[in-house]
Amino acid sequence: MKGYRVFANRAIFSDQNSMGRNEKMTGIHEEKFTGPMVWDAKTAFPNNGIFKLDDTCLAEIDSVAGELRANPLPTEALLPVDFDMPACTAVMTEVREAIDEGTGFAVVDRLDVDGLGRDTATKIYWLLMSVVGRPVAQKWDGTLVYDIKDKGGKATPGSGIRSSWTSGGQGFHNDNSFNLPPDFVSLFCLQTARKGGVSGIVSFESVYNKLLEEHRDIVPRLFKPFWFDRQKEHAPGDEEVSLKPMFEIKDGVLSVNFSPRLVEHGYTMLQKEMDAETRQALDALCKTTEVDNLCKRFEFERGQFQIVNNRRLGHRRTAFRDWDELERKRHLIRIWIRKSGRPFYQG
């Protein structure tokens, strides 16, 4: 069977079995990780991970909202440098430090969705997130501002339907794990569901430490490639699956490419069974991310936005039941952020 991996926008073909035998396993971290991004369900985050937009920030936001209404521009054309927001910039700079060097997680509380209106609130959210880093494309077509709604579809192998467009539950994962994962992922809540949709986060450094304790023998396999469904986010005629490791070590930091659903889909699309070692490694990693005393759960409220370190934390959402009224249906706005590089989907 011929396989490939995506590199610099080109498909590099190789024999998968030969790759598995000959590729050197470099960078495997033999010791447990330490530091602020190693935490569990009982760890207390500073201020519970919440960054408040105080009265000074809200006054700045009201002023900017007035400018935006008087001077219409597409959301993606807006730049923080064009607006006077020193207090907001200070808060978002603290957020950047927390998600990059701290716990890896933050909730910003909050924008007045009703007072601002959804369109203006989304533009303010874009400006604040642009302080954190550079917004980048979330789809091959260049989409920068991504609506998360239940569109009634079902995420099946090769369908291209993302779980973010369904009401089903999600396991822990990294966004865009099959391609170039963004450094940070943010979600802005315009409307909550009628029931469910509870968010969760887990530290992959804590997961890694747990694996060393209980499944050390499978850890090397996680540094070797797995097949992923690319969800049709690629150039026309390009390959529909990619080959990537789950774990990578870069500058002593664990970077993760984790989406078990897309790995299952990838092998299904290839009509290829996982060998025993691959299945054991995937199952152990999935099981460990779901350990109750590792993951944190929280309710995501209207007007808040959450930001996670997408390379070092996993995030998920439980299944939800939506409202019947169209205007009340669950609606989030997602922005992907990279710390460097170009804004193209492939980087």
C-alpha atoms as a PDB file:
ATOM      1  CA  MET A   1       0.000   0.000   0.000  1.00  0.00           C
ATOM      2  CA  LYS A   2       1.328   3.392  -0.946  1.00  0.00           C
ATOM      3  CA  GLY A   3       1.032   6.175   1.610  1.00  0.00           C
ATOM      4  CA  TYR A   4       2.066   9.793   1.870  1.00  0.00           C
ATOM      5  CA  ARG A   5       2.578  12.656   4.209  1.00  0.00           C
ATOM      6  CA  VAL A   6       1.981  16.334   3.542  1.00  0.00           C
ATOM      7  CA  PHE A   7       5.122  18.460   3.543  1.00  0.00           C
ATOM      8  CA  ALA A   8       5.408  22.017   2.241  1.00  0.00           C
ATOM      9  CA  ASN A   9       2.138  21.612   0.315  1.00  0.00           C
ATOM     10  CA  ARG A  10       3.420  18.565  -1.566  1.00  0.00           C
ATOM     11  CA  ALA A  11       2.488  14.905  -1.230  1.00  0.00           C
ATOM     12  CA  ILE A  12       5.569  12.824  -0.449  1.00  0.00           C
ATOM     13  CA  PHE A  13       4.972   9.143  -1.225  1.00  0.00           C
ATOM     14  CA  SER A  14       6.617   6.281   0.629  1.00  0.00           C
ATOM     15  CA  ASP A  15       5.916   2.753   1.722  1.00  0.00           C
ATOM     16  CA  GLN A  16       4.252   2.887   5.147  1.00  0.00           C
ATOM     17  CA  ASN A  17       5.751  -0.350   6.422  1.00  0.00           C
ATOM     18  CA  SER A  18       9.263   0.704   5.467  1.00  0.00           C
ATOM     19  CA  MET A  19       8.742   4.051   7.153  1.00  0.00           C
ATOM     20  CA  GLY A  20       7.657   2.338  10.334  1.00  0.00           C
ATOM     21  CA  ARG A  21      10.782   0.153  10.391  1.00  0.00           C
ATOM     22  CA  ASN A  22      13.398   2.638   9.271  1.00  0.00           C
ATOM     23  CA  GLU A  23      12.348   6.015  10.653  1.00  0.00           C
ATOM     24  CA  LYS A  24      14.428   6.926  13.661  1.00  0.00           C
ATOM     25  CA  MET A  25      12.448   7.606  16.821  1.00  0.00           C
ATOM     26  CA  THR A  26      14.046  10.832  17.929  1.00  0.00           C
ATOM     27  CA  GLY A  27      12.977  13.301  20.565  1.00  0.00           C
ATOM     28  CA  ILE A  28      11.073  10.868  22.793  1.00  0.00           C
ATOM     29  CA  HIS A  29      10.820  12.407  26.247  1.00  0.00           C
ATOM     30  CA  GLU A  30      11.855   9.815  28.847  1.00  0.00           C
ATOM     31  CA  GLU A  31      11.076  11.876  31.958  1.00  0.00           C
ATOM     32  CA  LYS A  32       7.852  13.402  33.254  1.00  0.00           C
ATOM     33  CA  PHE A  33       7.016  16.945  32.272  1.00  0.00           C
ATOM     34  CA  THR A  34       6.883  19.687  34.908  1.00  0.00           C
ATOM     35  CA  GLY A  35       5.691  23.268  34.857  1.00  0.00           C
ATOM     36  CA  PRO A  36       2.470  25.307  34.834  1.00  0.00           C
ATOM     37  CA  MET A  37       0.928  23.342  31.969  1.00  0.00           C
ATOM     38  CA  VAL A  38       1.044  20.154  34.033  1.00  0.00           C
ATOM     39  CA  TRP A  39      -2.257  20.153  35.932  1.00  0.00           C
ATOM     40  CA  ASP A  40      -5.268  18.001  36.714  1.00  0.00           C
ATOM     41  CA  ALA A  41      -8.939  18.430  37.574  1.00  0.00           C
ATOM     42  CA  LYS A  42      -8.175  19.628  41.111  1.00  0.00           C
ATOM     43  CA  THR A  43      -5.503  22.160  40.201  1.00  0.00           C
ATOM     44  CA  ALA A  44      -6.607  25.707  40.991  1.00  0.00           C
ATOM     45  CA  PHE A  45      -6.057  28.097  38.087  1.00  0.00           C
ATOM     46  CA  PRO A  46      -5.348  31.758  38.915  1.00  0.00           C
ATOM     47  CA  ASN A  47      -8.784  33.459  39.027  1.00  0.00           C
ATOM     48  CA  ASN A  48     -10.208  30.154  37.735  1.00  0.00           C
ATOM     49  CA  GLY A  49      -8.652  30.995  34.380  1.00  0.00           C
ATOM     50  CA  ILE A  50     -11.002  33.974  33.930  1.00  0.00           C
ATOM     51  CA  PHE A  51      -9.797  37.339  32.614  1.00  0.00           C
ATOM     52  CA  LYS A  52     -12.340  40.090  33.236  1.00  0.00           C
ATOM     53  CA  LEU A  53     -13.028  42.947  30.884  1.00  0.00           C
ATOM     54  CA  ASP A  54     -13.356  45.717  33.486  1.00  0.00           C
ATOM     55  CA  ASP A  55     -15.218  49.015  33.173  1.00  0.00           C
ATOM     56  CA  THR A  56     -12.275  50.687  31.436  1.00  0.00           C
ATOM     57  CA  CYS A  57     -12.138  47.898  28.871  1.00  0.00           C
ATOM     58  CA  LEU A  58     -15.886  48.026  28.316  1.00  0.00           C
ATOM     59  CA  ALA A  59     -15.727  51.789  27.771  1.00  0.00           C
ATOM     60  CA  GLU A  60     -13.036  51.264  25.133  1.00  0.00           C
ATOM     61  CA  ILE A  61     -15.169  48.582  23.507  1.00  0.00           C
ATOM     62  CA  ASP A  62     -18.216  50.879  23.387  1.00  0.00           C
ATOM     63  CA  SER A  63     -16.109  53.551  21.709  1.00  0.00           C
ATOM     64  CA  VAL A  64     -14.698  51.119  19.145  1.00  0.00           C
ATOM     65  CA  ALA A  65     -18.196  49.736  18.502  1.00  0.00           C
ATOM     66  CA  GLY A  66     -19.351  53.243  17.611  1.00  0.00           C
ATOM     67  CA  GLU A  67     -16.472  53.621  15.146  1.00  0.00           C
ATOM     68  CA  LEU A  68     -17.270  50.266  13.557  1.00  0.00           C
ATOM     69  CA  ARG A  69     -20.924  51.153  13.064  1.00  0.00           C
ATOM     70  CA  ALA A  70     -19.982  54.479  11.507  1.00  0.00           C
ATOM     71  CA  ASN A  71     -17.277  52.989   9.274  1.00  0.00           C
ATOM     72  CA  PRO A  72     -18.300  49.559   7.961  1.00  0.00           C
ATOM     73  CA  LEU A  73     -15.505  47.139   7.066  1.00  0.00           C
ATOM     74  CA  PRO A  74     -15.340  43.346   6.802  1.00  0.00           C
ATOM     75  CA  THR A  75     -14.319  41.726  10.065  1.00  0.00           C
ATOM     76  CA  GLU A  76     -11.145  40.274   8.528  1.00  0.00           C
ATOM     77  CA  ALA A  77      -9.933  43.755   7.480  1.00  0.00           C
ATOM     78  CA  LEU A  78      -9.843  45.107  11.041  1.00  0.00           C
ATOM     79  CA  LEU A  79      -6.501  45.662  12.821  1.00  0.00           C
ATOM     80  CA  PRO A  80      -6.015  46.466  16.539  1.00  0.00           C
ATOM     81  CA  VAL A  81      -3.456  49.161  15.685  1.00  0.00           C
ATOM     82  CA  ASP A  82      -6.237  51.225  14.109  1.00  0.00           C
ATOM     83  CA  PHE A  83      -8.147  51.570  17.391  1.00  0.00           C
ATOM     84  CA  ASP A  84      -7.437  53.059  20.809  1.00  0.00           C
ATOM     85  CA  MET A  85      -7.723  50.088  23.196  1.00  0.00           C
ATOM     86  CA  PRO A  86      -4.840  50.187  25.728  1.00  0.00           C
ATOM     87  CA  ALA A  87      -6.756  48.529  28.577  1.00  0.00           C
ATOM     88  CA  CYS A  88      -8.114  45.775  26.340  1.00  0.00           C
ATOM     89  CA  THR A  89      -4.655  45.264  24.840  1.00  0.00           C
ATOM     90  CA  ALA A  90      -3.191  44.845  28.337  1.00  0.00           C
ATOM     91  CA  VAL A  91      -5.782  42.170  29.225  1.00  0.00           C
ATOM     92  CA  MET A  92      -5.244  40.248  25.985  1.00  0.00           C
ATOM     93  CA  THR A  93      -1.474  40.415  26.455  1.00  0.00           C
ATOM     94  CA  GLU A  94      -1.972  38.702  29.823  1.00  0.00           C
ATOM     95  CA  VAL A  95      -4.186  36.140  28.099  1.00  0.00           C
ATOM     96  CA  ARG A  96      -1.426  35.434  25.568  1.00  0.00           C
ATOM     97  CA  GLU A  97       1.060  34.827  28.384  1.00  0.00           C
ATOM     98  CA  ALA A  98      -1.366  32.469  30.162  1.00  0.00           C
ATOM     99  CA  ILE A  99      -2.076  30.308  27.134  1.00  0.00           C
ATOM    100  CA  ASP A 100       1.499  30.276  25.866  1.00  0.00           C
ATOM    101  CA  GLU A 101       3.529  30.000  29.073  1.00  0.00           C
ATOM    102  CA  GLY A 102       0.988  29.355  31.857  1.00  0.00           C
ATOM    103  CA  THR A 103      -1.846  26.866  32.187  1.00  0.00           C
ATOM    104  CA  GLY A 104      -2.599  26.983  28.454  1.00  0.00           C
ATOM    105  CA  PHE A 105      -6.198  28.105  28.981  1.00  0.00           C
ATOM    106  CA  ALA A 106      -8.172  31.325  29.455  1.00  0.00           C
ATOM    107  CA  VAL A 107     -11.768  32.564  29.475  1.00  0.00           C
ATOM    108  CA  VAL A 108     -12.382  36.237  28.689  1.00  0.00           C
ATOM    109  CA  ASP A 109     -15.484  37.591  30.444  1.00  0.00           C
ATOM    110  CA  ARG A 110     -17.358  39.123  28.667  1.00  0.00           C
ATOM    111  CA  LEU A 111     -18.836  40.998  25.709  1.00  0.00           C
ATOM    112  CA  ASP A 112     -22.387  42.317  25.820  1.00  0.00           C
ATOM    113  CA  VAL A 113     -23.825  40.439  22.839  1.00  0.00           C
ATOM    114  CA  ASP A 114     -27.271  42.010  23.113  1.00  0.00           C
ATOM    115  CA  GLY A 115     -25.987  45.564  23.528  1.00  0.00           C
ATOM    116  CA  LEU A 116     -23.350  45.341  20.806  1.00  0.00           C
ATOM    117  CA  GLY A 117     -25.295  43.166  18.399  1.00  0.00           C
ATOM    118  CA  ARG A 118     -23.867  39.907  17.050  1.00  0.00           C
ATOM    119  CA  ASP A 119     -22.081  41.442  14.084  1.00  0.00           C
ATOM    120  CA  THR A 120     -20.314  44.175  16.067  1.00  0.00           C
ATOM    121  CA  ALA A 121     -19.571  41.790  18.958  1.00  0.00           C
ATOM    122  CA  THR A 122     -17.882  39.434  16.482  1.00  0.00           C
ATOM    123  CA  LYS A 123     -15.751  42.298  15.155  1.00  0.00           C
ATOM    124  CA  ILE A 124     -14.684  43.238  18.691  1.00  0.00           C
ATOM    125  CA  TYR A 125     -13.839  39.586  19.359  1.00  0.00           C
ATOM    126  CA  TRP A 126     -11.709  39.548  16.180  1.00  0.00           C
ATOM    127  CA  LEU A 127      -9.820  42.654  17.287  1.00  0.00           C
ATOM    128  CA  LEU A 128      -9.145  41.272  20.766  1.00  0.00           C
ATOM    129  CA  MET A 129      -7.943  37.933  19.419  1.00  0.00           C
ATOM    130  CA  SER A 130      -5.725  39.747  16.914  1.00  0.00           C
ATOM    131  CA  VAL A 131      -3.809  41.123  19.906  1.00  0.00           C
ATOM    132  CA  VAL A 132      -3.016  37.521  20.925  1.00  0.00           C
ATOM    133  CA  GLY A 133      -1.599  36.545  17.541  1.00  0.00           C
ATOM    134  CA  ARG A 134      -2.314  36.302  13.836  1.00  0.00           C
ATOM    135  CA  PRO A 135      -5.700  34.903  12.774  1.00  0.00           C
ATOM    136  CA  VAL A 136      -5.259  32.274  10.069  1.00  0.00           C
ATOM    137  CA  ALA A 137      -7.395  30.339   7.609  1.00  0.00           C
ATOM    138  CA  GLN A 138      -9.418  27.481   9.090  1.00  0.00           C
ATOM    139  CA  LYS A 139     -10.399  25.902   5.780  1.00  0.00           C
ATOM    140  CA  TRP A 140      -8.733  25.349   2.412  1.00  0.00           C
ATOM    141  CA  ASP A 141     -11.009  28.052   0.954  1.00  0.00           C
ATOM    142  CA  GLY A 142      -9.439  30.667   3.239  1.00  0.00           C
ATOM    143  CA  THR A 143     -12.231  31.038   5.819  1.00  0.00           C
ATOM    144  CA  LEU A 144     -10.883  33.117   8.702  1.00  0.00           C
ATOM    145  CA  VAL A 145     -14.030  33.527  10.814  1.00  0.00           C
ATOM    146  CA  TYR A 146     -15.718  30.167  11.309  1.00  0.00           C
ATOM    147  CA  ASP A 147     -19.318  29.671  12.441  1.00  0.00           C
ATOM    148  CA  ILE A 148     -19.983  26.679  14.700  1.00  0.00           C
ATOM    149  CA  LYS A 149     -23.595  25.562  14.387  1.00  0.00           C
ATOM    150  CA  ASP A 150     -25.475  22.296  14.156  1.00  0.00           C
ATOM    151  CA  LYS A 151     -26.195  21.918  10.444  1.00  0.00           C
ATOM    152  CA  GLY A 152     -27.788  18.514  10.847  1.00  0.00           C
ATOM    153  CA  GLY A 153     -24.994  16.542   9.196  1.00  0.00           C
ATOM    154  CA  LYS A 154     -23.063  13.518  10.359  1.00  0.00           C
ATOM    155  CA  ALA A 155     -19.282  13.322  10.494  1.00  0.00           C
ATOM    156  CA  THR A 156     -18.437  10.129   8.587  1.00  0.00           C
ATOM    157  CA  PRO A 157     -15.151   8.986   6.981  1.00  0.00           C
ATOM    158  CA  GLY A 158     -14.275  11.070   3.943  1.00  0.00           C
ATOM    159  CA  SER A 159     -17.449  13.180   4.120  1.00  0.00           C
ATOM    160  CA  GLY A 160     -15.660  16.431   4.915  1.00  0.00           C
ATOM    161  CA  ILE A 161     -18.304  17.169   7.570  1.00  0.00           C
ATOM    162  CA  ARG A 162     -16.651  18.456  10.722  1.00  0.00           C
ATOM    163  CA  SER A 163     -18.030  17.555  14.121  1.00  0.00           C
ATOM    164  CA  SER A 164     -18.323  21.305  14.782  1.00  0.00           C
ATOM    165  CA  TRP A 165     -21.301  21.276  12.375  1.00  0.00           C
ATOM    166  CA  THR A 166     -23.139  18.584  14.324  1.00  0.00           C
ATOM    167  CA  SER A 167     -24.804  18.306  17.740  1.00  0.00           C
ATOM    168  CA  GLY A 168     -22.898  15.148  18.638  1.00  0.00           C
ATOM    169  CA  GLY A 169     -20.294  14.908  21.362  1.00  0.00           C
ATOM    170  CA  GLN A 170     -16.593  15.272  20.698  1.00  0.00           C
ATOM    171  CA  GLY A 171     -13.726  13.419  22.287  1.00  0.00           C
ATOM    172  CA  PHE A 172     -10.585  15.297  23.262  1.00  0.00           C
ATOM    173  CA  HIS A 173      -8.681  16.495  20.213  1.00  0.00           C
ATOM    174  CA  ASN A 174      -6.522  19.217  18.671  1.00  0.00           C
ATOM    175  CA  ASP A 175      -7.989  21.309  15.872  1.00  0.00           C
ATOM    176  CA  ASN A 176      -6.531  20.619  12.422  1.00  0.00           C
ATOM    177  CA  SER A 177      -4.463  17.732  13.778  1.00  0.00           C
ATOM    178  CA  PHE A 178      -4.250  16.218  10.287  1.00  0.00           C
ATOM    179  CA  ASN A 179      -2.533  19.238   8.751  1.00  0.00           C
ATOM    180  CA  LEU A 180      -0.923  22.267  10.443  1.00  0.00           C
ATOM    181  CA  PRO A 181      -2.553  22.747  13.866  1.00  0.00           C
ATOM    182  CA  PRO A 182      -2.897  26.391  14.923  1.00  0.00           C
ATOM    183  CA  ASP A 183      -1.065  27.425  18.080  1.00  0.00           C
ATOM    184  CA  PHE A 184      -4.233  28.708  19.748  1.00  0.00           C
ATOM    185  CA  VAL A 185      -7.954  28.104  19.242  1.00  0.00           C
ATOM    186  CA  SER A 186     -10.593  30.527  20.496  1.00  0.00           C
ATOM    187  CA  LEU A 187     -14.385  30.211  20.669  1.00  0.00           C
ATOM    188  CA  PHE A 188     -16.798  33.101  21.204  1.00  0.00           C
ATOM    189  CA  CYS A 189     -20.243  32.180  22.527  1.00  0.00           C
ATOM    190  CA  LEU A 190     -23.079  34.073  20.843  1.00  0.00           C
ATOM    191  CA  GLN A 191     -25.745  31.630  21.983  1.00  0.00           C
ATOM    192  CA  THR A 192     -25.739  28.557  24.239  1.00  0.00           C
ATOM    193  CA  ALA A 193     -27.644  25.332  23.568  1.00  0.00           C
ATOM    194  CA  ARG A 194     -30.848  24.377  25.345  1.00  0.00           C
ATOM    195  CA  LYS A 195     -29.047  21.543  27.132  1.00  0.00           C
ATOM    196  CA  GLY A 196     -25.556  20.078  27.038  1.00  0.00           C
ATOM    197  CA  GLY A 197     -22.555  21.306  25.095  1.00  0.00           C
ATOM    198  CA  VAL A 198     -20.348  21.245  28.210  1.00  0.00           C
ATOM    199  CA  SER A 199     -16.718  22.104  27.462  1.00  0.00           C
ATOM    200  CA  GLY A 200     -13.689  20.188  28.673  1.00  0.00           C
ATOM    201  CA  ILE A 201      -9.915  20.593  28.553  1.00  0.00           C
ATOM    202  CA  VAL A 202      -7.012  18.303  29.382  1.00  0.00           C
ATOM    203  CA  SER A 203      -3.265  18.888  29.629  1.00  0.00           C
ATOM    204  CA  PHE A 204      -1.375  16.627  27.239  1.00  0.00           C
ATOM    205  CA  GLU A 205       1.721  16.979  29.392  1.00  0.00           C
ATOM    206  CA  SER A 206      -0.272  15.494  32.293  1.00  0.00           C
ATOM    207  CA  VAL A 207      -1.582  12.795  29.951  1.00  0.00           C
ATOM    208  CA  TYR A 208       1.977  12.031  28.852  1.00  0.00           C
ATOM    209  CA  ASN A 209       3.102  11.714  32.474  1.00  0.00           C
ATOM    210  CA  LYS A 210       0.234   9.300  33.128  1.00  0.00           C
ATOM    211  CA  LEU A 211       1.193   7.241  30.086  1.00  0.00           C
ATOM    212  CA  LEU A 212       4.753   6.955  31.380  1.00  0.00           C
ATOM    213  CA  GLU A 213       3.353   5.570  34.646  1.00  0.00           C
ATOM    214  CA  GLU A 214       0.847   3.118  33.211  1.00  0.00           C
ATOM    215  CA  HIS A 215       1.607   2.508  29.514  1.00  0.00           C
ATOM    216  CA  ARG A 216       5.287   3.329  29.021  1.00  0.00           C
ATOM    217  CA  ASP A 217       5.700   0.538  26.469  1.00  0.00           C
ATOM    218  CA  ILE A 218       3.296   2.178  23.984  1.00  0.00           C
ATOM    219  CA  VAL A 219       4.755   5.706  24.174  1.00  0.00           C
ATOM    220  CA  PRO A 220       7.326   5.180  21.348  1.00  0.00           C
ATOM    221  CA  ARG A 221       4.504   4.237  18.943  1.00  0.00           C
ATOM    222  CA  LEU A 222       2.880   7.634  19.503  1.00  0.00           C
ATOM    223  CA  PHE A 223       5.958   9.300  17.990  1.00  0.00           C
ATOM    224  CA  LYS A 224       5.463   7.324  14.751  1.00  0.00           C
ATOM    225  CA  PRO A 225       2.929   8.253  12.029  1.00  0.00           C
ATOM    226  CA  PHE A 226      -0.810   7.512  12.027  1.00  0.00           C
ATOM    227  CA  TRP A 227      -3.228   7.954   9.129  1.00  0.00           C
ATOM    228  CA  PHE A 228      -5.682  10.880   9.385  1.00  0.00           C
ATOM    229  CA  ASP A 229      -8.787  11.809   7.382  1.00  0.00           C
ATOM    230  CA  ARG A 230      -8.079  15.296   5.973  1.00  0.00           C
ATOM    231  CA  GLN A 231     -11.794  16.207   5.962  1.00  0.00           C
ATOM    232  CA  LYS A 232     -11.543  17.351   2.332  1.00  0.00           C
ATOM    233  CA  GLU A 233      -9.518  20.398   3.407  1.00  0.00           C
ATOM    234  CA  HIS A 234      -7.007  20.252   0.587  1.00  0.00           C
ATOM    235  CA  ALA A 235      -6.447  21.246  -3.031  1.00  0.00           C
ATOM    236  CA  PRO A 236      -8.720  19.611  -5.612  1.00  0.00           C
ATOM    237  CA  GLY A 237      -7.375  16.206  -6.565  1.00  0.00           C
ATOM    238  CA  ASP A 238      -4.972  16.022  -3.623  1.00  0.00           C
ATOM    239  CA  GLU A 239      -4.826  12.992  -1.339  1.00  0.00           C
ATOM    240  CA  GLU A 240      -7.656  12.570   1.180  1.00  0.00           C
ATOM    241  CA  VAL A 241      -5.554  11.202   4.038  1.00  0.00           C
ATOM    242  CA  SER A 242      -2.344  12.331   5.722  1.00  0.00           C
ATOM    243  CA  LEU A 243       0.317  10.589   7.789  1.00  0.00           C
ATOM    244  CA  LYS A 244       1.490  12.226  11.019  1.00  0.00           C
ATOM    245  CA  PRO A 245       2.731  11.257  14.487  1.00  0.00           C
ATOM    246  CA  MET A 246       0.548  11.914  17.520  1.00  0.00           C
ATOM    247  CA  PHE A 247       3.455  13.240  19.599  1.00  0.00           C
ATOM    248  CA  GLU A 248       6.356  15.475  18.597  1.00  0.00           C
ATOM    249  CA  ILE A 249       9.040  17.126  20.722  1.00  0.00           C
ATOM    250  CA  LYS A 250      10.059  20.610  19.592  1.00  0.00           C
ATOM    251  CA  ASP A 251      12.595  22.562  21.647  1.00  0.00           C
ATOM    252  CA  GLY A 252      11.842  20.345  24.626  1.00  0.00           C
ATOM    253  CA  VAL A 253       8.093  21.032  24.367  1.00  0.00           C
ATOM    254  CA  LEU A 254       5.480  18.365  23.672  1.00  0.00           C
ATOM    255  CA  SER A 255       3.375  19.183  20.588  1.00  0.00           C
ATOM    256  CA  VAL A 256       0.382  16.968  19.907  1.00  0.00           C
ATOM    257  CA  ASN A 257      -1.605  15.976  16.805  1.00  0.00           C
ATOM    258  CA  PHE A 258      -4.565  14.149  18.330  1.00  0.00           C
ATOM    259  CA  SER A 259      -7.957  13.355  16.826  1.00  0.00           C
ATOM    260  CA  PRO A 260      -8.891   9.698  17.350  1.00  0.00           C
ATOM    261  CA  ARG A 261     -12.053  10.045  15.265  1.00  0.00           C
ATOM    262  CA  LEU A 262     -10.062  11.260  12.263  1.00  0.00           C
ATOM    263  CA  VAL A 263      -7.476   8.512  12.748  1.00  0.00           C
ATOM    264  CA  GLU A 264     -10.249   5.892  12.745  1.00  0.00           C
ATOM    265  CA  HIS A 265     -11.643   7.543   9.624  1.00  0.00           C
ATOM    266  CA  GLY A 266      -8.232   7.555   7.946  1.00  0.00           C
ATOM    267  CA  TYR A 267      -7.740   3.824   8.348  1.00  0.00           C
ATOM    268  CA  THR A 268     -11.330   3.173   7.237  1.00  0.00           C
ATOM    269  CA  MET A 269     -10.830   5.262   4.094  1.00  0.00           C
ATOM    270  CA  LEU A 270      -7.701   3.259   3.273  1.00  0.00           C
ATOM    271  CA  GLN A 271      -9.541  -0.006   4.028  1.00  0.00           C
ATOM    272  CA  LYS A 272      -6.610  -0.787   6.272  1.00  0.00           C
ATOM    273  CA  GLU A 273      -6.709  -2.385   9.705  1.00  0.00           C
ATOM    274  CA  MET A 274      -4.533  -1.013  12.471  1.00  0.00           C
ATOM    275  CA  ASP A 275      -1.852  -3.416  13.601  1.00  0.00           C
ATOM    276  CA  ALA A 276      -1.926  -4.473  17.254  1.00  0.00           C
ATOM    277  CA  GLU A 277       0.691  -1.935  18.361  1.00  0.00           C
ATOM    278  CA  THR A 278      -1.100   0.948  16.655  1.00  0.00           C
ATOM    279  CA  ARG A 279      -4.476   0.008  18.116  1.00  0.00           C
ATOM    280  CA  GLN A 280      -3.027  -0.448  21.600  1.00  0.00           C
ATOM    281  CA  ALA A 281      -1.304   2.953  21.485  1.00  0.00           C
ATOM    282  CA  LEU A 282      -4.393   4.788  20.221  1.00  0.00           C
ATOM    283  CA  ASP A 283      -6.674   3.131  22.766  1.00  0.00           C
ATOM    284  CA  ALA A 284      -4.313   3.850  25.664  1.00  0.00           C
ATOM    285  CA  LEU A 285      -4.026   7.505  24.683  1.00  0.00           C
ATOM    286  CA  CYS A 286      -7.811   7.877  24.311  1.00  0.00           C
ATOM    287  CA  LYS A 287      -8.444   6.172  27.648  1.00  0.00           C
ATOM    288  CA  THR A 288      -5.901   8.314  29.458  1.00  0.00           C
ATOM    289  CA  THR A 289      -7.318  11.612  28.163  1.00  0.00           C
ATOM    290  CA  GLU A 290     -10.685  10.610  29.624  1.00  0.00           C
ATOM    291  CA  VAL A 291      -9.385   9.907  33.138  1.00  0.00           C
ATOM    292  CA  ASP A 292     -11.739  11.852  35.428  1.00  0.00           C
ATOM    293  CA  ASN A 293      -9.079  13.307  37.677  1.00  0.00           C
ATOM    294  CA  LEU A 294      -7.136  14.791  34.731  1.00  0.00           C
ATOM    295  CA  CYS A 295      -9.709  16.767  32.756  1.00  0.00           C
ATOM    296  CA  LYS A 296     -11.473  19.976  33.711  1.00  0.00           C
ATOM    297  CA  ARG A 297     -15.108  20.640  32.774  1.00  0.00           C
ATOM    298  CA  PHE A 298     -16.853  23.992  32.630  1.00  0.00           C
ATOM    299  CA  GLU A 299     -19.983  25.700  31.343  1.00  0.00           C
ATOM    300  CA  PHE A 300     -19.373  28.159  28.535  1.00  0.00           C
ATOM    301  CA  GLU A 301     -21.579  31.264  28.926  1.00  0.00           C
ATOM    302  CA  ARG A 302     -22.984  33.723  26.406  1.00  0.00           C
ATOM    303  CA  GLY A 303     -20.644  36.623  25.697  1.00  0.00           C
ATOM    304  CA  GLN A 304     -17.548  34.772  26.942  1.00  0.00           C
ATOM    305  CA  PHE A 305     -14.738  33.495  24.795  1.00  0.00           C
ATOM    306  CA  GLN A 306     -12.351  30.723  25.667  1.00  0.00           C
ATOM    307  CA  ILE A 307      -8.826  30.278  24.326  1.00  0.00           C
ATOM    308  CA  VAL A 308      -6.748  27.102  24.509  1.00  0.00           C
ATOM    309  CA  ASN A 309      -3.204  26.210  23.583  1.00  0.00           C
ATOM    310  CA  ASN A 310      -4.029  23.878  20.695  1.00  0.00           C
ATOM    311  CA  ARG A 311      -0.630  22.139  20.619  1.00  0.00           C
ATOM    312  CA  ARG A 312      -0.393  21.322  24.324  1.00  0.00           C
ATOM    313  CA  LEU A 313      -4.018  20.969  25.495  1.00  0.00           C
ATOM    314  CA  GLY A 314      -6.869  18.847  24.226  1.00  0.00           C
ATOM    315  CA  HIS A 315     -10.397  20.226  24.171  1.00  0.00           C
ATOM    316  CA  ARG A 316     -13.841  18.734  23.663  1.00  0.00           C
ATOM    317  CA  ARG A 317     -17.570  19.350  23.903  1.00  0.00           C
ATOM    318  CA  THR A 318     -20.367  17.063  25.036  1.00  0.00           C
ATOM    319  CA  ALA A 319     -23.422  16.422  22.857  1.00  0.00           C
ATOM    320  CA  PHE A 320     -26.166  19.020  23.090  1.00  0.00           C
ATOM    321  CA  ARG A 321     -29.860  19.525  22.441  1.00  0.00           C
ATOM    322  CA  ASP A 322     -30.695  22.768  20.700  1.00  0.00           C
ATOM    323  CA  TRP A 323     -33.579  25.207  20.851  1.00  0.00           C
ATOM    324  CA  ASP A 324     -36.383  25.013  18.304  1.00  0.00           C
ATOM    325  CA  GLU A 325     -36.271  28.728  17.480  1.00  0.00           C
ATOM    326  CA  LEU A 326     -33.691  29.578  14.813  1.00  0.00           C
ATOM    327  CA  GLU A 327     -32.474  32.726  16.592  1.00  0.00           C
ATOM    328  CA  ARG A 328     -31.853  30.786  19.829  1.00  0.00           C
ATOM    329  CA  LYS A 329     -29.830  27.925  18.352  1.00  0.00           C
ATOM    330  CA  ARG A 330     -26.329  27.336  19.683  1.00  0.00           C
ATOM    331  CA  HIS A 331     -23.851  29.548  17.845  1.00  0.00           C
ATOM    332  CA  LEU A 332     -20.127  29.957  18.458  1.00  0.00           C
ATOM    333  CA  ILE A 333     -17.537  31.864  16.446  1.00  0.00           C
ATOM    334  CA  ARG A 334     -14.101  30.286  16.128  1.00  0.00           C
ATOM    335  CA  ILE A 335     -10.781  31.943  15.354  1.00  0.00           C
ATOM    336  CA  TRP A 336      -7.488  30.128  14.869  1.00  0.00           C
ATOM    337  CA  ILE A 337      -4.255  31.885  15.855  1.00  0.00           C
ATOM    338  CA  ARG A 338      -0.649  31.207  14.939  1.00  0.00           C
ATOM    339  CA  LYS A 339       2.337  32.832  16.592  1.00  0.00           C
ATOM    340  CA  SER A 340       4.229  33.160  13.317  1.00  0.00           C
ATOM    341  CA  GLY A 341       4.045  32.397   9.626  1.00  0.00           C
ATOM    342  CA  ARG A 342       1.616  33.273   6.872  1.00  0.00           C
ATOM    343  CA  PRO A 343      -2.180  33.225   7.252  1.00  0.00           C
ATOM    344  CA  PHE A 344      -2.761  30.581   4.556  1.00  0.00           C
ATOM    345  CA  TYR A 345      -4.417  27.327   5.564  1.00  0.00           C
ATOM    346  CA  GLN A 346      -1.228  25.405   4.807  1.00  0.00           C
ATOM    347  CA  GLY A 347       0.887  28.047   6.531  1.00  0.00           C
END
